Amino acid sequence: MKKSNDKKTLKDRFEELTRKKPIIEDAVPQRPVRHIEKKLDLPFLKDIDVADDKGKYGAAEDVEGEWGLTGGDSSLKVQARRRFIGLIIATIALILILGGVFYILPRVLPGLFEGTDIELFEKPVINLEYDDETVRVVLDTSVSVMASPDPAGQRLTEVLYNEPVTCLNDNGGDYIRIRTSDGIEGYIPVNTVTTATESVEPDMHLYKIVVSDPSKNIMTHASNGTLMRRVVMNTVLYADIKREGVYQVYLPTGESGWIGSSGVIELGVREDTEEVSSRYFVSSLLTFVNARYLENGVTMYGASINGAIYVCAEINGIDVPRTVDGLMEEGEEIDPGTDAVTGELLIENILPGDVLFLRSPVAGPGDNRVYEMAVCTDTGTLLMQSKTKTTIRLANFEAGDSICDRIITIRRIFRTE
């Protein structure tokens, strides 16, 4: 019985201890606070001298002496400044590497591989054609070459934009005496030429461009640019860049301009225009119809028959002189023959492209001085100067006409088809 009462007592005691007590007036039962009577024995506190203020727990430490850290290592500002300096150094290093790759190496490597067979490092061979100090290059669209240093004198021919000429005499006046590439000597204004020859040196460029249209514009930009210079048929330019529909050409002023690809002939820098048939020669000549007549002129702004023949022959592959006397020696002489019955000239044997040399309408018998020239453009049709010498025009003729009696000789320069 005693043992049973003891168990009941323990059970009752357990229930009494674990029974929840009601909260009165929002009071929260207080939990007993445990007081540590014994001093804590922590190993990391053993070395602290409680008598020394510097050794108190949480006091400042000598980080350099204790941990080997300097003031810079313990400062966030110094660390940020070091990162900024490191970024600058990295940027400078990158610039030096890029400079080495794109600037220094291209200049150093060719010297290292000079004399080898490695094509990448072969130096381009530049043969200067116009390194003589007497060479001048024309700056204007066209310049009249006069027999004397007088704008009212006789015009011998014209030279074109970017055409090289040889200076024979420069006495410091307004005119200099020059010689053209085909040997004509005369005077041009000194301010129409330059001594700079880079624009005519073939090996300094990539493309040779010959103007085949009556005129072309050189612009400041490939599209929507402003006009820099108007050039005419047979003007020769050299280009450095080729894009779709345009070329960037180098100018005698040292500038670059853009010219459209239509109406020009692209060649290698040392190539000549390929010779074609008389049909193309005649087609070029017809662009001078209704042009203003100008004694020995060679452009659409003023032309003669011999000047038109010169530029049209050049762009179609045959080099000819630009003078009347010189043209009389070109090609082969043609005898059209006469009708056996009527004795009249067989004009059907004068073919397109044939050049006719005519005496004056009032010349006497045996007078074979050339008064004018004409070019057959079709059977019975001639390109010639007007009677008033004001324009270039087309004229029809038939067998028995007076023009047939004026023919001194006929020369065939281009092959017929």
Protein backbone atom coordinates (compact mmCIF):
# COMPACT_ATOMS: atom_id res chain seq x y z
CA MET A 1 0.00 0.00 0.00
CA LYS A 2 2.81 2.36 0.81
CA LYS A 3 4.47 1.68 -2.52
CA SER A 4 1.22 2.44 -4.40
CA ASN A 5 0.75 5.67 -2.51
CA ASP A 6 4.27 6.71 -3.42
CA LYS A 7 3.56 6.20 -7.14
CA LYS A 8 0.31 8.12 -6.91
CA THR A 9 2.04 10.88 -5.14
CA LEU A 10 4.68 11.13 -7.86
CA LYS A 11 2.04 11.10 -10.55
CA ASP A 12 0.04 13.76 -8.81
CA ARG A 13 3.19 15.76 -8.32
CA PHE A 14 4.08 15.54 -12.04
CA GLU A 15 0.61 16.71 -13.05
CA GLU A 16 0.83 19.54 -10.64
CA LEU A 17 4.12 20.72 -12.02
CA THR A 18 3.10 20.41 -15.66
CA ARG A 19 -0.38 21.89 -15.28
CA LYS A 20 -0.64 25.31 -17.08
CA LYS A 21 -1.34 28.18 -14.79
CA PRO A 22 -3.84 30.82 -15.94
CA ILE A 23 -2.59 34.28 -17.00
CA ILE A 24 -4.05 36.93 -14.76
CA GLU A 25 -4.37 40.53 -16.02
CA ASP A 26 -2.12 39.87 -19.03
CA ALA A 27 0.75 39.00 -16.77
CA VAL A 28 3.34 36.64 -18.33
CA PRO A 29 4.80 34.11 -15.95
CA GLN A 30 8.41 34.92 -15.24
CA ARG A 31 10.99 32.34 -16.06
CA PRO A 32 13.62 31.82 -13.46
CA VAL A 33 17.04 33.32 -14.42
CA ARG A 34 19.95 31.03 -14.12
CA HIS A 35 22.91 32.65 -12.40
CA ILE A 36 26.30 31.26 -13.19
CA GLU A 37 28.10 31.03 -9.98
CA LYS A 38 31.31 29.66 -11.46
CA LYS A 39 33.72 31.79 -13.48
CA LEU A 40 33.90 30.85 -17.17
CA ASP A 41 37.15 29.27 -18.13
CA LEU A 42 37.60 30.18 -21.85
CA PRO A 43 40.98 29.36 -23.40
CA PHE A 44 41.18 32.44 -25.65
CA LEU A 45 40.84 34.69 -22.59
CA LYS A 46 43.79 33.25 -20.74
CA ASP A 47 46.31 35.57 -22.46
CA ILE A 48 44.37 38.74 -21.63
CA ASP A 49 45.80 40.84 -18.91
CA VAL A 50 42.76 42.32 -17.20
CA ALA A 51 44.96 44.83 -15.44
CA ASP A 52 46.11 46.32 -18.74
CA ASP A 53 43.59 48.56 -20.53
CA LYS A 54 45.25 47.74 -23.85
CA GLY A 55 44.70 44.07 -23.24
CA LYS A 56 41.05 44.30 -22.42
CA TYR A 57 38.77 42.16 -24.53
CA GLY A 58 37.52 44.15 -27.54
CA ALA A 59 40.27 46.76 -27.33
CA ALA A 60 42.13 47.96 -30.48
CA GLU A 61 44.93 45.72 -31.66
CA ASP A 62 48.24 46.40 -33.33
CA VAL A 63 47.20 44.89 -36.70
CA GLU A 64 50.64 45.33 -38.22
CA GLY A 65 52.40 43.65 -35.34
CA GLU A 66 49.79 40.98 -34.64
CA TRP A 67 48.56 40.17 -38.16
CA GLY A 68 51.20 41.64 -40.51
CA LEU A 69 48.72 44.13 -42.02
CA THR A 70 49.62 47.68 -42.96
CA GLY A 71 47.39 50.71 -42.85
CA GLY A 72 46.80 50.42 -46.60
CA ASP A 73 45.61 46.83 -46.25
CA SER A 74 43.08 47.81 -43.67
CA SER A 75 41.62 50.77 -45.61
CA LEU A 76 38.78 50.35 -48.13
CA LYS A 77 39.64 53.67 -49.79
CA VAL A 78 43.19 52.62 -50.44
CA GLN A 79 41.97 49.32 -51.88
CA ALA A 80 39.61 51.17 -54.28
CA ARG A 81 42.45 53.47 -55.33
CA ARG A 82 44.67 50.50 -56.01
CA ARG A 83 41.98 48.88 -58.16
CA PHE A 84 41.66 52.13 -60.16
CA ILE A 85 45.42 52.30 -60.70
CA GLY A 86 45.41 48.66 -61.77
CA LEU A 87 42.66 49.41 -64.30
CA ILE A 88 44.73 52.26 -65.75
CA ILE A 89 47.78 50.03 -66.06
CA ALA A 90 45.72 47.34 -67.79
CA THR A 91 44.30 49.92 -70.23
CA ILE A 92 47.76 51.23 -71.08
CA ALA A 93 49.00 47.69 -71.61
CA LEU A 94 46.08 46.99 -73.98
CA ILE A 95 46.82 50.15 -75.97
CA LEU A 96 50.48 49.17 -76.25
CA ILE A 97 49.56 45.68 -77.46
CA LEU A 98 47.15 47.05 -80.09
CA GLY A 99 49.73 49.59 -81.18
CA GLY A 100 52.29 46.84 -81.54
CA VAL A 101 49.94 44.69 -83.62
CA PHE A 102 48.57 47.36 -85.94
CA TYR A 103 51.40 49.90 -86.12
CA ILE A 104 54.77 48.48 -85.12
CA LEU A 105 54.52 44.95 -86.56
CA PRO A 106 53.53 46.07 -90.08
CA ARG A 107 56.68 48.20 -90.13
CA VAL A 108 59.05 45.76 -88.49
CA LEU A 109 58.02 42.45 -90.06
CA PRO A 110 58.62 43.44 -93.70
CA GLY A 111 62.23 44.22 -92.79
CA LEU A 112 62.65 40.89 -91.03
CA PHE A 113 61.30 38.97 -94.03
CA GLU A 114 62.95 41.12 -96.69
CA GLY A 115 64.54 38.98 -99.37
CA THR A 116 62.32 35.97 -98.66
CA ASP A 117 59.69 34.43 -100.90
CA ILE A 118 56.87 35.19 -98.49
CA GLU A 119 54.39 37.11 -100.63
CA LEU A 120 52.75 38.82 -97.65
CA PHE A 121 55.89 40.81 -96.96
CA GLU A 122 56.98 41.60 -100.50
CA LYS A 123 57.38 45.33 -101.03
CA PRO A 124 55.39 46.76 -103.95
CA VAL A 125 57.66 47.98 -106.70
CA ILE A 126 57.02 51.65 -107.47
CA ASN A 127 58.57 52.92 -110.68
CA LEU A 128 58.13 56.66 -110.79
CA GLU A 129 57.29 57.89 -114.28
CA TYR A 130 57.25 61.60 -113.52
CA ASP A 131 60.03 62.20 -111.00
CA ASP A 132 61.59 64.88 -113.21
CA GLU A 133 61.28 68.35 -111.67
CA THR A 134 60.15 69.75 -115.02
CA VAL A 135 56.87 67.81 -114.98
CA ARG A 136 53.65 69.74 -114.41
CA VAL A 137 50.08 68.43 -114.02
CA VAL A 138 47.03 70.29 -115.36
CA LEU A 139 44.56 71.58 -112.74
CA ASP A 140 41.71 72.85 -114.96
CA THR A 141 39.11 70.89 -116.92
CA SER A 142 40.92 71.93 -120.10
CA VAL A 143 43.62 74.47 -120.87
CA SER A 144 44.35 76.00 -124.27
CA VAL A 145 47.91 75.64 -125.50
CA MET A 146 48.73 78.84 -127.36
CA ALA A 147 51.42 79.54 -129.98
CA SER A 148 52.45 82.61 -127.97
CA PRO A 149 51.97 83.77 -124.35
CA ASP A 150 48.84 85.62 -125.36
CA PRO A 151 45.22 84.51 -124.80
CA ALA A 152 44.26 86.06 -128.12
CA GLY A 153 46.90 84.12 -130.06
CA GLN A 154 46.58 80.96 -132.11
CA ARG A 155 45.30 77.90 -130.24
CA LEU A 156 47.44 74.85 -131.02
CA THR A 157 45.51 72.32 -128.94
CA GLU A 158 44.12 71.77 -125.46
CA VAL A 159 45.42 69.76 -122.52
CA LEU A 160 43.03 68.08 -120.09
CA TYR A 161 42.64 67.81 -116.34
CA ASN A 162 45.32 65.69 -114.66
CA GLU A 163 47.34 65.51 -117.87
CA PRO A 164 51.13 65.62 -117.34
CA VAL A 165 53.14 68.06 -119.45
CA THR A 166 56.80 69.05 -119.53
CA CYS A 167 57.77 72.58 -118.54
CA LEU A 168 60.33 73.93 -121.01
CA ASN A 169 60.64 77.44 -119.68
CA ASP A 170 59.35 79.13 -116.53
CA ASN A 171 60.64 82.68 -116.40
CA GLY A 172 58.40 83.71 -113.55
CA GLY A 173 55.76 85.33 -115.71
CA ASP A 174 52.09 84.55 -116.18
CA TYR A 175 52.80 81.87 -118.82
CA ILE A 176 55.12 78.90 -119.04
CA ARG A 177 56.24 77.11 -122.17
CA ILE A 178 55.30 73.42 -122.16
CA ARG A 179 55.44 70.32 -124.34
CA THR A 180 52.60 67.81 -124.50
CA SER A 181 53.08 64.06 -124.46
CA ASP A 182 52.75 63.96 -128.26
CA GLY A 183 55.26 66.72 -128.85
CA ILE A 184 53.20 69.92 -129.24
CA GLU A 185 54.96 72.94 -127.74
CA GLY A 186 53.18 76.09 -126.66
CA TYR A 187 52.23 78.36 -123.76
CA ILE A 188 49.75 77.92 -120.93
CA PRO A 189 48.99 80.06 -117.84
CA VAL A 190 51.31 79.20 -114.95
CA ASN A 191 48.41 78.99 -112.48
CA THR A 192 46.75 76.15 -114.41
CA VAL A 193 49.35 73.53 -113.45
CA THR A 194 50.95 72.08 -110.32
CA THR A 195 54.31 70.47 -109.61
CA ALA A 196 52.67 67.67 -107.57
CA THR A 197 52.74 64.44 -109.58
CA GLU A 198 51.23 61.84 -107.21
CA SER A 199 47.95 61.91 -109.13
CA VAL A 200 49.61 60.69 -112.36
CA GLU A 201 52.03 58.09 -110.97
CA PRO A 202 50.52 54.71 -112.01
CA ASP A 203 52.27 52.52 -109.42
CA MET A 204 51.00 54.63 -106.53
CA HIS A 205 47.37 53.65 -107.25
CA LEU A 206 45.18 50.61 -107.96
CA TYR A 207 43.00 51.53 -110.93
CA LYS A 208 43.30 53.62 -114.08
CA ILE A 209 40.08 55.37 -115.06
CA VAL A 210 39.49 56.86 -118.53
CA VAL A 211 36.42 59.06 -119.02
CA SER A 212 34.44 57.93 -122.07
CA ASP A 213 31.35 60.13 -121.63
CA PRO A 214 31.37 63.71 -122.96
CA SER A 215 31.66 64.89 -119.34
CA LYS A 216 31.65 63.52 -115.79
CA ASN A 217 31.49 65.10 -112.34
CA ILE A 218 33.94 64.49 -109.51
CA MET A 219 32.15 64.86 -106.18
CA THR A 220 33.24 65.29 -102.57
CA HIS A 221 31.30 62.19 -101.46
CA ALA A 222 30.15 58.96 -103.04
CA SER A 223 26.54 60.12 -102.74
CA ASN A 224 24.97 63.55 -102.18
CA GLY A 225 28.33 65.31 -102.35
CA THR A 226 29.22 68.69 -103.81
CA LEU A 227 30.92 69.24 -107.14
CA MET A 228 34.70 69.36 -107.01
CA ARG A 229 35.57 69.26 -110.71
CA ARG A 230 33.90 68.55 -114.05
CA VAL A 231 36.05 66.45 -116.37
CA VAL A 232 35.63 65.61 -120.06
CA MET A 233 36.16 62.75 -122.49
CA ASN A 234 39.65 61.19 -122.48
CA THR A 235 40.53 62.55 -119.04
CA VAL A 236 42.73 59.98 -117.29
CA LEU A 237 42.44 59.54 -113.51
CA TYR A 238 43.85 57.07 -111.02
CA ALA A 239 41.70 55.51 -108.31
CA ASP A 240 42.52 53.96 -104.95
CA ILE A 241 39.12 52.65 -103.86
CA LYS A 242 36.36 50.93 -105.83
CA ARG A 243 32.84 50.59 -104.50
CA GLU A 244 29.58 49.64 -106.11
CA GLY A 245 28.96 52.26 -108.78
CA VAL A 246 31.78 54.67 -107.80
CA TYR A 247 35.55 55.11 -107.67
CA GLN A 248 37.59 57.24 -105.30
CA VAL A 249 40.10 59.07 -107.49
CA TYR A 250 43.23 60.96 -106.47
CA LEU A 251 43.32 64.56 -107.66
CA PRO A 252 46.31 66.76 -108.58
CA THR A 253 45.41 69.08 -105.70
CA GLY A 254 46.20 66.26 -103.25
CA GLU A 255 42.54 65.67 -102.44
CA SER A 256 40.36 62.64 -103.16
CA GLY A 257 37.02 62.72 -104.93
CA TRP A 258 34.36 60.30 -106.16
CA ILE A 259 33.33 59.60 -109.74
CA GLY A 260 30.54 57.35 -111.01
CA SER A 261 31.46 54.10 -112.75
CA SER A 262 29.12 54.65 -115.70
CA GLY A 263 30.74 56.39 -118.65
CA VAL A 264 34.28 55.47 -117.64
CA ILE A 265 36.69 52.70 -118.63
CA GLU A 266 38.48 50.81 -115.85
CA LEU A 267 41.99 49.59 -116.66
CA GLY A 268 45.03 48.29 -114.87
CA VAL A 269 47.33 51.14 -113.91
CA ARG A 270 49.68 50.33 -116.80
CA GLU A 271 47.14 49.04 -119.28
CA ASP A 272 46.02 50.78 -122.45
CA THR A 273 42.49 50.88 -123.78
CA GLU A 274 41.68 47.90 -125.98
CA GLU A 275 41.26 48.67 -129.66
CA VAL A 276 37.71 48.32 -130.92
CA SER A 277 35.99 48.61 -134.30
CA SER A 278 35.00 51.75 -136.16
CA ARG A 279 31.41 51.41 -134.94
CA TYR A 280 32.42 52.43 -131.40
CA PHE A 281 34.65 55.19 -132.75
CA VAL A 282 31.72 56.66 -134.68
CA SER A 283 29.43 56.35 -131.65
CA SER A 284 31.85 58.44 -129.60
CA LEU A 285 32.15 61.03 -132.38
CA LEU A 286 28.39 61.52 -132.53
CA THR A 287 28.42 62.94 -128.99
CA PHE A 288 30.06 66.05 -130.45
CA VAL A 289 27.13 66.84 -132.72
CA ASN A 290 26.01 70.45 -132.09
CA ALA A 291 29.06 71.17 -129.93
CA ARG A 292 30.50 74.65 -130.26
CA TYR A 293 33.28 74.86 -132.81
CA LEU A 294 36.66 75.84 -131.33
CA GLU A 295 39.89 75.84 -133.30
CA ASN A 296 41.85 72.74 -132.27
CA GLY A 297 39.50 72.25 -129.32
CA VAL A 298 39.10 68.76 -127.85
CA THR A 299 36.11 69.00 -125.47
CA MET A 300 32.34 69.16 -125.67
CA TYR A 301 32.59 72.80 -124.56
CA GLY A 302 34.51 73.63 -127.72
CA ALA A 303 35.76 71.17 -130.32
CA SER A 304 37.29 70.85 -133.75
CA ILE A 305 37.02 67.79 -135.99
CA ASN A 306 40.69 66.92 -135.48
CA GLY A 307 40.27 67.38 -131.71
CA ALA A 308 37.17 65.17 -131.64
CA ILE A 309 38.99 62.50 -133.67
CA TYR A 310 41.91 62.62 -131.23
CA VAL A 311 39.91 62.07 -128.03
CA CYS A 312 37.50 59.54 -129.59
CA ALA A 313 40.33 57.48 -131.04
CA GLU A 314 42.18 57.51 -127.70
CA ILE A 315 39.25 56.16 -125.67
CA ASN A 316 38.66 53.44 -128.28
CA GLY A 317 42.16 52.05 -128.23
CA ILE A 318 44.22 53.90 -130.87
CA ASP A 319 46.73 56.63 -130.10
CA VAL A 320 46.66 59.33 -132.78
CA PRO A 321 48.08 62.86 -133.05
CA ARG A 322 45.83 65.78 -132.29
CA THR A 323 46.92 67.90 -135.24
CA VAL A 324 45.62 67.89 -138.79
CA ASP A 325 49.06 67.25 -140.27
CA GLY A 326 49.67 64.37 -137.88
CA LEU A 327 46.32 62.72 -138.66
CA MET A 328 47.08 62.76 -142.38
CA GLU A 329 49.76 60.15 -141.68
CA GLU A 330 47.55 57.84 -139.58
CA GLY A 331 45.88 54.63 -140.74
CA GLU A 332 45.78 53.61 -144.39
CA GLU A 333 44.81 55.63 -147.42
CA ILE A 334 41.52 54.66 -149.03
CA ASP A 335 40.64 55.04 -152.71
CA PRO A 336 36.85 54.76 -153.05
CA GLY A 337 37.06 54.60 -156.84
CA THR A 338 34.75 56.13 -159.43
CA ASP A 339 31.84 54.94 -161.43
CA ALA A 340 32.95 53.61 -164.80
CA VAL A 341 30.04 55.23 -166.58
CA THR A 342 29.50 58.54 -164.81
CA GLY A 343 32.99 59.03 -163.42
CA GLU A 344 31.48 60.04 -160.12
CA LEU A 345 32.93 59.06 -156.78
CA LEU A 346 31.65 55.77 -155.33
CA ILE A 347 30.58 57.13 -151.99
CA GLU A 348 29.36 53.70 -150.83
CA ASN A 349 33.04 52.78 -150.52
CA ILE A 350 33.56 55.53 -147.94
CA LEU A 351 32.77 53.64 -144.75
CA PRO A 352 31.78 54.85 -141.26
CA GLY A 353 34.90 55.92 -139.41
CA ASP A 354 36.85 57.01 -142.53
CA VAL A 355 38.47 60.43 -142.17
CA LEU A 356 38.26 62.88 -145.08
CA PHE A 357 40.67 65.78 -145.66
CA LEU A 358 39.10 68.57 -147.70
CA ARG A 359 40.48 71.57 -149.56
CA SER A 360 38.84 74.98 -149.45
CA PRO A 361 35.62 75.46 -151.45
CA VAL A 362 37.35 78.27 -153.31
CA ALA A 363 40.71 76.53 -153.77
CA GLY A 364 42.12 76.54 -157.27
CA PRO A 365 43.21 73.48 -159.24
CA GLY A 366 46.15 71.69 -157.66
CA ASP A 367 45.73 73.42 -154.29
CA ASN A 368 46.01 70.54 -151.79
CA ARG A 369 46.20 72.54 -148.61
CA VAL A 370 43.81 71.11 -146.00
CA TYR A 371 41.03 73.54 -145.24
CA GLU A 372 38.94 71.27 -143.03
CA MET A 373 38.31 67.66 -142.01
CA ALA A 374 35.24 65.43 -141.91
CA VAL A 375 34.42 61.93 -140.66
CA CYS A 376 31.99 59.55 -142.31
CA THR A 377 29.38 58.45 -139.77
CA ASP A 378 27.13 56.62 -142.24
CA THR A 379 26.93 56.18 -145.99
CA GLY A 380 26.46 59.67 -147.41
CA THR A 381 26.73 61.39 -143.99
CA LEU A 382 29.68 63.39 -142.66
CA LEU A 383 30.49 64.93 -139.29
CA MET A 384 32.07 68.30 -140.05
CA GLN A 385 32.15 71.94 -139.05
CA SER A 386 29.31 74.21 -140.10
CA LYS A 387 29.87 76.64 -142.97
CA THR A 388 29.98 79.50 -140.50
CA LYS A 389 32.49 77.66 -138.27
CA THR A 390 30.26 77.97 -135.22
CA THR A 391 29.21 74.36 -134.51
CA ILE A 392 29.97 70.72 -135.28
CA ARG A 393 27.18 69.27 -137.42
CA LEU A 394 26.11 66.36 -139.61
CA ALA A 395 25.91 66.94 -143.37
CA ASN A 396 24.58 64.72 -146.12
CA PHE A 397 26.24 64.37 -149.49
CA GLU A 398 25.77 62.40 -152.69
CA ALA A 399 27.90 61.40 -155.62
CA GLY A 400 28.48 64.41 -157.79
CA ASP A 401 28.16 66.95 -154.97
CA SER A 402 30.80 69.64 -154.72
CA ILE A 403 32.18 68.11 -151.55
CA CYS A 404 33.37 65.11 -153.54
CA ASP A 405 35.57 67.38 -155.65
CA ARG A 406 37.15 68.83 -152.48
CA ILE A 407 38.49 65.51 -151.17
CA ILE A 408 42.28 65.49 -150.96
CA THR A 409 42.68 62.10 -149.30
CA ILE A 410 40.76 59.59 -147.17
CA ARG A 411 42.36 57.75 -144.23
CA ARG A 412 40.96 54.66 -142.46
CA ILE A 413 42.13 54.55 -138.84
CA PHE A 414 39.87 51.88 -137.35
CA ARG A 415 39.10 48.45 -138.69
CA THR A 416 35.63 47.95 -140.10
CA GLU A 417 33.31 45.13 -139.09
